[in-house]
Amino acid sequence: MNRRTDDCSRATHATPPDARKLAGPAVTAQAFAPACERNKGPILQVLRQEFARAASVLEIGSGTGQHAVFFARALDHLVWQTSDRAENHASIHAWIEAEGPPNVLAPLDLDVTGTWPPVQFDAVFSANTAHIMSWPEVCAMMAGVGRVLRPDGTFVLYGPFACDGVHTSGSNAEFDRMLRERDPSSGIRDVRDLDREAQTAGLTWKANHPMPANNRILVWRRRS
């Protein structure tokens, strides 16, 4: 999937300084996105709260793999299951091999419009995915989340969002214009539209956390 130019999968294959001492082909395959380094701390603050009672998490669109190893190390009470399309697996494998703690798992091959894992999770996390998917793909993601979440499980979605048809900043409006020029099926999604699809999938609105750089974290809970 094409992603925002500053997020975790539109990245260079430069090895971060703390991994350069590691040798072998896995390290050279590590893609590095500066945005992951900038946003991982604020996201983790919310995940500590929202995933406090979770034991297993499915990440949709693990991208470079940077987020996965960082969050799994910080949240060592849970098992972090990575996933993405096959073309992104090399970097995820490389990050896990170089730095991953034992509670982060190798990526599943997941296209949201295809076959989902035949297991359930206590939580689902996805970052910077909804605005680079087509709307039918977003709907498929919401439906899939509803199927793989256990009752009372939590879905956390990070990224830029519009509210009631209005962009929350001028930079988001410009970013949305650029996305739609590049791919008319993509674009920043509106919270009310996402919540409608979430409700259809059996999810209930829980929280809206403001984040740096005009992003937000939206949270839903799977109905019992």
C-alpha atoms as a PDB file:
ATOM      1  CA  MET A   1       0.000   0.000   0.000  1.00  0.00           C
ATOM      2  CA  ASN A   2       1.107   3.532  -0.633  1.00  0.00           C
ATOM      3  CA  ARG A   3       1.408   5.526   2.540  1.00  0.00           C
ATOM      4  CA  ARG A   4       1.970   9.032   3.749  1.00  0.00           C
ATOM      5  CA  THR A   5       5.469  10.183   2.818  1.00  0.00           C
ATOM      6  CA  ASP A   6       6.472  10.612   6.474  1.00  0.00           C
ATOM      7  CA  ASP A   7       5.081   7.399   7.932  1.00  0.00           C
ATOM      8  CA  CYS A   8       6.441   3.981   8.682  1.00  0.00           C
ATOM      9  CA  SER A   9       6.276   2.338   5.275  1.00  0.00           C
ATOM     10  CA  ARG A  10       7.326   5.184   2.974  1.00  0.00           C
ATOM     11  CA  ALA A  11      10.836   4.936   4.327  1.00  0.00           C
ATOM     12  CA  THR A  12      14.456   4.803   3.323  1.00  0.00           C
ATOM     13  CA  HIS A  13      16.477   1.656   3.874  1.00  0.00           C
ATOM     14  CA  ALA A  14      18.982   3.394   6.116  1.00  0.00           C
ATOM     15  CA  THR A  15      19.953   1.531   9.258  1.00  0.00           C
ATOM     16  CA  PRO A  16      19.325   3.558  12.445  1.00  0.00           C
ATOM     17  CA  PRO A  17      22.450   4.468  14.420  1.00  0.00           C
ATOM     18  CA  ASP A  18      21.751   2.051  17.278  1.00  0.00           C
ATOM     19  CA  ALA A  19      21.513  -0.880  14.849  1.00  0.00           C
ATOM     20  CA  ARG A  20      24.620  -0.168  12.774  1.00  0.00           C
ATOM     21  CA  LYS A  21      26.775  -2.285  15.049  1.00  0.00           C
ATOM     22  CA  LEU A  22      24.728  -5.335  14.046  1.00  0.00           C
ATOM     23  CA  ALA A  23      25.988  -7.329  11.093  1.00  0.00           C
ATOM     24  CA  GLY A  24      24.309  -9.548   8.554  1.00  0.00           C
ATOM     25  CA  PRO A  25      21.707  -9.302   5.768  1.00  0.00           C
ATOM     26  CA  ALA A  26      18.775  -8.705   8.143  1.00  0.00           C
ATOM     27  CA  VAL A  27      20.154  -5.335   9.220  1.00  0.00           C
ATOM     28  CA  THR A  28      20.592  -4.080   5.672  1.00  0.00           C
ATOM     29  CA  ALA A  29      16.936  -4.905   4.970  1.00  0.00           C
ATOM     30  CA  GLN A  30      15.700  -2.636   7.778  1.00  0.00           C
ATOM     31  CA  ALA A  31      13.703   0.288   6.400  1.00  0.00           C
ATOM     32  CA  PHE A  32      13.817   3.365   8.619  1.00  0.00           C
ATOM     33  CA  ALA A  33      11.136   6.072   8.858  1.00  0.00           C
ATOM     34  CA  PRO A  34      11.946   9.209  10.899  1.00  0.00           C
ATOM     35  CA  ALA A  35       8.231   9.726  11.597  1.00  0.00           C
ATOM     36  CA  CYS A  36       8.136   6.458  13.523  1.00  0.00           C
ATOM     37  CA  GLU A  37      10.813   7.808  15.825  1.00  0.00           C
ATOM     38  CA  ARG A  38       8.881  11.061  16.308  1.00  0.00           C
ATOM     39  CA  ASN A  39       5.454   9.608  17.020  1.00  0.00           C
ATOM     40  CA  LYS A  40       6.238   6.378  18.863  1.00  0.00           C
ATOM     41  CA  GLY A  41       6.533   8.041  22.293  1.00  0.00           C
ATOM     42  CA  PRO A  42       3.167   9.853  22.224  1.00  0.00           C
ATOM     43  CA  ILE A  43       1.436   6.775  20.794  1.00  0.00           C
ATOM     44  CA  LEU A  44       2.941   4.573  23.512  1.00  0.00           C
ATOM     45  CA  GLN A  45       1.491   6.828  26.225  1.00  0.00           C
ATOM     46  CA  VAL A  46      -1.997   6.077  24.899  1.00  0.00           C
ATOM     47  CA  LEU A  47      -1.325   2.365  24.324  1.00  0.00           C
ATOM     48  CA  ARG A  48      -0.200   1.942  27.938  1.00  0.00           C
ATOM     49  CA  GLN A  49      -3.685   3.066  28.937  1.00  0.00           C
ATOM     50  CA  GLU A  50      -5.769   1.407  26.228  1.00  0.00           C
ATOM     51  CA  PHE A  51      -3.894  -1.929  26.156  1.00  0.00           C
ATOM     52  CA  ALA A  52      -3.327  -2.252  29.903  1.00  0.00           C
ATOM     53  CA  ARG A  53      -5.517  -5.369  30.143  1.00  0.00           C
ATOM     54  CA  ALA A  54      -4.666  -6.870  26.757  1.00  0.00           C
ATOM     55  CA  ALA A  55      -2.595 -10.019  26.354  1.00  0.00           C
ATOM     56  CA  SER A  56      -2.477 -10.166  22.536  1.00  0.00           C
ATOM     57  CA  VAL A  57      -2.455  -7.450  19.856  1.00  0.00           C
ATOM     58  CA  LEU A  58      -2.765  -7.625  16.071  1.00  0.00           C
ATOM     59  CA  GLU A  59      -1.084  -4.743  14.251  1.00  0.00           C
ATOM     60  CA  ILE A  60      -2.601  -4.038  10.820  1.00  0.00           C
ATOM     61  CA  GLY A  61      -0.047  -2.570   8.413  1.00  0.00           C
ATOM     62  CA  SER A  62       3.186  -2.973  10.382  1.00  0.00           C
ATOM     63  CA  GLY A  63       5.112  -1.126   7.649  1.00  0.00           C
ATOM     64  CA  THR A  64       8.826  -0.945   8.438  1.00  0.00           C
ATOM     65  CA  GLY A  65       8.449  -2.893  11.702  1.00  0.00           C
ATOM     66  CA  GLN A  66       9.819  -0.035  13.827  1.00  0.00           C
ATOM     67  CA  HIS A  67       6.622   0.490  15.801  1.00  0.00           C
ATOM     68  CA  ALA A  68       6.207  -3.213  16.462  1.00  0.00           C
ATOM     69  CA  VAL A  69       9.570  -3.771  18.130  1.00  0.00           C
ATOM     70  CA  PHE A  70       9.316  -0.549  20.145  1.00  0.00           C
ATOM     71  CA  PHE A  71       5.799  -1.131  21.436  1.00  0.00           C
ATOM     72  CA  ALA A  72       6.363  -4.835  22.123  1.00  0.00           C
ATOM     73  CA  ARG A  73       9.459  -4.049  24.177  1.00  0.00           C
ATOM     74  CA  ALA A  74       7.656  -1.345  26.169  1.00  0.00           C
ATOM     75  CA  LEU A  75       4.467  -3.412  26.613  1.00  0.00           C
ATOM     76  CA  ASP A  76       6.039  -6.696  27.596  1.00  0.00           C
ATOM     77  CA  HIS A  77       2.816  -8.006  29.171  1.00  0.00           C
ATOM     78  CA  LEU A  78       1.376  -8.720  25.708  1.00  0.00           C
ATOM     79  CA  VAL A  79       2.193 -10.590  22.502  1.00  0.00           C
ATOM     80  CA  TRP A  80       2.473  -8.264  19.484  1.00  0.00           C
ATOM     81  CA  GLN A  81       1.446  -9.906  16.193  1.00  0.00           C
ATOM     82  CA  THR A  82       2.704  -7.984  13.157  1.00  0.00           C
ATOM     83  CA  SER A  83       1.002  -8.117   9.758  1.00  0.00           C
ATOM     84  CA  ASP A  84       1.177  -6.471   6.335  1.00  0.00           C
ATOM     85  CA  ARG A  85       1.205  -7.250   2.661  1.00  0.00           C
ATOM     86  CA  ALA A  86       4.027  -9.551   1.630  1.00  0.00           C
ATOM     87  CA  GLU A  87       6.103  -6.802  -0.012  1.00  0.00           C
ATOM     88  CA  ASN A  88       6.658  -5.175   3.400  1.00  0.00           C
ATOM     89  CA  HIS A  89       7.658  -8.341   5.266  1.00  0.00           C
ATOM     90  CA  ALA A  90      11.425  -8.108   4.660  1.00  0.00           C
ATOM     91  CA  SER A  91      11.846  -4.974   6.765  1.00  0.00           C
ATOM     92  CA  ILE A  92       9.565  -6.269   9.516  1.00  0.00           C
ATOM     93  CA  HIS A  93      11.560  -9.504   9.703  1.00  0.00           C
ATOM     94  CA  ALA A  94      14.800  -7.495   9.779  1.00  0.00           C
ATOM     95  CA  TRP A  95      13.676  -5.271  12.657  1.00  0.00           C
ATOM     96  CA  ILE A  96      12.485  -8.283  14.640  1.00  0.00           C
ATOM     97  CA  GLU A  97      15.733 -10.191  14.045  1.00  0.00           C
ATOM     98  CA  ALA A  98      17.919  -7.189  14.898  1.00  0.00           C
ATOM     99  CA  GLU A  99      16.047  -5.686  17.824  1.00  0.00           C
ATOM    100  CA  GLY A 100      12.773  -7.443  18.466  1.00  0.00           C
ATOM    101  CA  PRO A 101      11.935  -8.718  21.950  1.00  0.00           C
ATOM    102  CA  PRO A 102      10.547 -12.278  22.235  1.00  0.00           C
ATOM    103  CA  ASN A 103       6.948 -11.051  22.478  1.00  0.00           C
ATOM    104  CA  VAL A 104       6.851  -9.637  18.914  1.00  0.00           C
ATOM    105  CA  LEU A 105       5.884 -12.187  16.248  1.00  0.00           C
ATOM    106  CA  ALA A 106       6.820 -12.519  12.575  1.00  0.00           C
ATOM    107  CA  PRO A 107       4.359 -10.877  10.187  1.00  0.00           C
ATOM    108  CA  LEU A 108       1.210 -12.468   8.882  1.00  0.00           C
ATOM    109  CA  ASP A 109       0.379 -11.886   5.215  1.00  0.00           C
ATOM    110  CA  LEU A 110      -2.707  -9.678   5.559  1.00  0.00           C
ATOM    111  CA  ASP A 111      -4.604  -7.775   2.896  1.00  0.00           C
ATOM    112  CA  VAL A 112      -7.703  -6.322   4.555  1.00  0.00           C
ATOM    113  CA  THR A 113      -9.891  -7.346   1.604  1.00  0.00           C
ATOM    114  CA  GLY A 114      -8.646 -10.940   1.751  1.00  0.00           C
ATOM    115  CA  THR A 115      -8.421 -13.705   4.328  1.00  0.00           C
ATOM    116  CA  TRP A 116      -8.000 -12.679   7.966  1.00  0.00           C
ATOM    117  CA  PRO A 117      -6.320 -14.717  10.726  1.00  0.00           C
ATOM    118  CA  PRO A 118      -8.594 -17.500  12.065  1.00  0.00           C
ATOM    119  CA  VAL A 119      -7.864 -16.419  15.644  1.00  0.00           C
ATOM    120  CA  GLN A 120      -9.039 -13.627  17.924  1.00  0.00           C
ATOM    121  CA  PHE A 121      -7.052 -10.949  19.737  1.00  0.00           C
ATOM    122  CA  ASP A 122      -7.575  -8.799  22.816  1.00  0.00           C
ATOM    123  CA  ALA A 123      -6.640  -5.678  20.852  1.00  0.00           C
ATOM    124  CA  VAL A 124      -5.966  -4.384  17.329  1.00  0.00           C
ATOM    125  CA  PHE A 125      -3.687  -1.468  16.424  1.00  0.00           C
ATOM    126  CA  SER A 126      -3.199   0.335  13.120  1.00  0.00           C
ATOM    127  CA  ALA A 127      -1.276   3.514  12.302  1.00  0.00           C
ATOM    128  CA  ASN A 128      -1.443   5.691   9.189  1.00  0.00           C
ATOM    129  CA  THR A 129      -3.450   3.239   7.127  1.00  0.00           C
ATOM    130  CA  ALA A 130      -7.003   4.574   6.701  1.00  0.00           C
ATOM    131  CA  HIS A 131      -6.001   7.571   4.571  1.00  0.00           C
ATOM    132  CA  ILE A 132      -3.991   5.522   2.071  1.00  0.00           C
ATOM    133  CA  MET A 133      -6.628   2.809   1.664  1.00  0.00           C
ATOM    134  CA  SER A 134      -9.625   3.165  -0.625  1.00  0.00           C
ATOM    135  CA  TRP A 135     -12.925   3.592   1.195  1.00  0.00           C
ATOM    136  CA  PRO A 136     -14.010  -0.024   0.420  1.00  0.00           C
ATOM    137  CA  GLU A 137     -10.703  -1.170   1.950  1.00  0.00           C
ATOM    138  CA  VAL A 138     -11.341   0.934   5.054  1.00  0.00           C
ATOM    139  CA  CYS A 139     -14.779  -0.673   5.383  1.00  0.00           C
ATOM    140  CA  ALA A 140     -13.188  -4.116   4.950  1.00  0.00           C
ATOM    141  CA  MET A 141     -10.663  -3.279   7.676  1.00  0.00           C
ATOM    142  CA  MET A 142     -13.410  -2.260  10.093  1.00  0.00           C
ATOM    143  CA  ALA A 143     -15.387  -5.421   9.352  1.00  0.00           C
ATOM    144  CA  GLY A 144     -12.281  -7.563   9.817  1.00  0.00           C
ATOM    145  CA  VAL A 145     -11.432  -5.900  13.108  1.00  0.00           C
ATOM    146  CA  GLY A 146     -14.935  -6.683  14.303  1.00  0.00           C
ATOM    147  CA  ARG A 147     -14.367 -10.351  13.514  1.00  0.00           C
ATOM    148  CA  VAL A 148     -10.917 -10.807  15.078  1.00  0.00           C
ATOM    149  CA  LEU A 149     -11.487  -8.797  18.271  1.00  0.00           C
ATOM    150  CA  ARG A 150     -12.606 -10.699  21.333  1.00  0.00           C
ATOM    151  CA  PRO A 151     -15.640  -9.339  23.223  1.00  0.00           C
ATOM    152  CA  ASP A 152     -14.616  -6.149  25.065  1.00  0.00           C
ATOM    153  CA  GLY A 153     -11.430  -6.006  22.951  1.00  0.00           C
ATOM    154  CA  THR A 154      -9.989  -2.632  21.932  1.00  0.00           C
ATOM    155  CA  PHE A 155      -9.267  -1.189  18.480  1.00  0.00           C
ATOM    156  CA  VAL A 156      -6.816   1.744  18.330  1.00  0.00           C
ATOM    157  CA  LEU A 157      -6.494   3.673  15.043  1.00  0.00           C
ATOM    158  CA  TYR A 158      -3.830   6.399  14.676  1.00  0.00           C
ATOM    159  CA  GLY A 159      -3.549   9.013  11.938  1.00  0.00           C
ATOM    160  CA  PRO A 160      -4.957  12.273  10.553  1.00  0.00           C
ATOM    161  CA  PHE A 161      -8.757  12.528  10.562  1.00  0.00           C
ATOM    162  CA  ALA A 162     -11.430  15.060   9.648  1.00  0.00           C
ATOM    163  CA  CYS A 163     -14.265  15.872  12.063  1.00  0.00           C
ATOM    164  CA  ASP A 164     -17.815  16.407  10.786  1.00  0.00           C
ATOM    165  CA  GLY A 165     -16.583  17.186   7.298  1.00  0.00           C
ATOM    166  CA  VAL A 166     -13.943  19.703   8.412  1.00  0.00           C
ATOM    167  CA  HIS A 167     -10.181  19.231   8.444  1.00  0.00           C
ATOM    168  CA  THR A 168      -8.598  19.906  11.812  1.00  0.00           C
ATOM    169  CA  SER A 169      -5.738  21.962  10.332  1.00  0.00           C
ATOM    170  CA  GLY A 170      -4.628  23.644   7.125  1.00  0.00           C
ATOM    171  CA  SER A 171      -1.763  21.165   6.797  1.00  0.00           C
ATOM    172  CA  ASN A 172      -4.198  18.241   6.928  1.00  0.00           C
ATOM    173  CA  ALA A 173      -6.350  19.874   4.244  1.00  0.00           C
ATOM    174  CA  GLU A 174      -3.288  20.235   2.019  1.00  0.00           C
ATOM    175  CA  PHE A 175      -2.197  16.680   2.766  1.00  0.00           C
ATOM    176  CA  ASP A 176      -5.667  15.407   1.833  1.00  0.00           C
ATOM    177  CA  ARG A 177      -5.492  17.312  -1.465  1.00  0.00           C
ATOM    178  CA  MET A 178      -2.098  15.777  -2.248  1.00  0.00           C
ATOM    179  CA  LEU A 179      -3.338  12.279  -1.412  1.00  0.00           C
ATOM    180  CA  ARG A 180      -6.357  12.575  -3.693  1.00  0.00           C
ATOM    181  CA  GLU A 181      -4.294  14.010  -6.545  1.00  0.00           C
ATOM    182  CA  ARG A 182      -1.960  11.021  -6.320  1.00  0.00           C
ATOM    183  CA  ASP A 183      -4.760   8.476  -5.839  1.00  0.00           C
ATOM    184  CA  PRO A 184      -8.409   9.621  -5.967  1.00  0.00           C
ATOM    185  CA  SER A 185      -9.485   6.590  -3.919  1.00  0.00           C
ATOM    186  CA  SER A 186      -7.361   7.653  -0.932  1.00  0.00           C
ATOM    187  CA  GLY A 187      -7.750  10.623   1.427  1.00  0.00           C
ATOM    188  CA  ILE A 188      -8.160  11.648   5.045  1.00  0.00           C
ATOM    189  CA  ARG A 189     -11.254   9.964   6.513  1.00  0.00           C
ATOM    190  CA  ASP A 190     -13.940  11.561   8.629  1.00  0.00           C
ATOM    191  CA  VAL A 191     -14.404  10.364  12.197  1.00  0.00           C
ATOM    192  CA  ARG A 192     -18.184  10.104  11.792  1.00  0.00           C
ATOM    193  CA  ASP A 193     -17.826   7.861   8.716  1.00  0.00           C
ATOM    194  CA  LEU A 194     -15.314   5.643  10.477  1.00  0.00           C
ATOM    195  CA  ASP A 195     -17.542   5.369  13.516  1.00  0.00           C
ATOM    196  CA  ARG A 196     -20.518   4.401  11.358  1.00  0.00           C
ATOM    197  CA  GLU A 197     -18.534   1.508   9.884  1.00  0.00           C
ATOM    198  CA  ALA A 198     -17.228   0.570  13.316  1.00  0.00           C
ATOM    199  CA  GLN A 199     -20.747   0.410  14.714  1.00  0.00           C
ATOM    200  CA  THR A 200     -21.772  -1.835  11.807  1.00  0.00           C
ATOM    201  CA  ALA A 201     -18.840  -4.118  12.666  1.00  0.00           C
ATOM    202  CA  GLY A 202     -19.968  -4.453  16.286  1.00  0.00           C
ATOM    203  CA  LEU A 203     -17.677  -1.822  17.792  1.00  0.00           C
ATOM    204  CA  THR A 204     -18.630   0.928  20.244  1.00  0.00           C
ATOM    205  CA  TRP A 205     -16.999   4.356  20.388  1.00  0.00           C
ATOM    206  CA  LYS A 206     -14.670   4.790  23.357  1.00  0.00           C
ATOM    207  CA  ALA A 207     -12.218   7.689  23.006  1.00  0.00           C
ATOM    208  CA  ASN A 208     -10.618  10.342  20.797  1.00  0.00           C
ATOM    209  CA  HIS A 209      -7.077  11.259  21.893  1.00  0.00           C
ATOM    210  CA  PRO A 210      -5.432  14.376  20.389  1.00  0.00           C
ATOM    211  CA  MET A 211      -1.860  13.724  19.241  1.00  0.00           C
ATOM    212  CA  PRO A 212       1.060  15.842  17.991  1.00  0.00           C
ATOM    213  CA  ALA A 213       1.302  17.000  14.353  1.00  0.00           C
ATOM    214  CA  ASN A 214      -2.503  17.272  13.909  1.00  0.00           C
ATOM    215  CA  ASN A 215      -3.016  13.532  14.295  1.00  0.00           C
ATOM    216  CA  ARG A 216      -5.391  11.677  16.593  1.00  0.00           C
ATOM    217  CA  ILE A 217      -5.932   8.262  18.128  1.00  0.00           C
ATOM    218  CA  LEU A 218      -9.464   6.892  17.807  1.00  0.00           C
ATOM    219  CA  VAL A 219     -10.515   4.042  20.085  1.00  0.00           C
ATOM    220  CA  TRP A 220     -13.396   1.581  19.848  1.00  0.00           C
ATOM    221  CA  ARG A 221     -14.414  -1.335  22.058  1.00  0.00           C
ATOM    222  CA  ARG A 222     -15.863  -4.605  20.747  1.00  0.00           C
ATOM    223  CA  ARG A 223     -19.337  -5.122  22.147  1.00  0.00           C
ATOM    224  CA  SER A 224     -19.784  -8.110  24.431  1.00  0.00           C
END
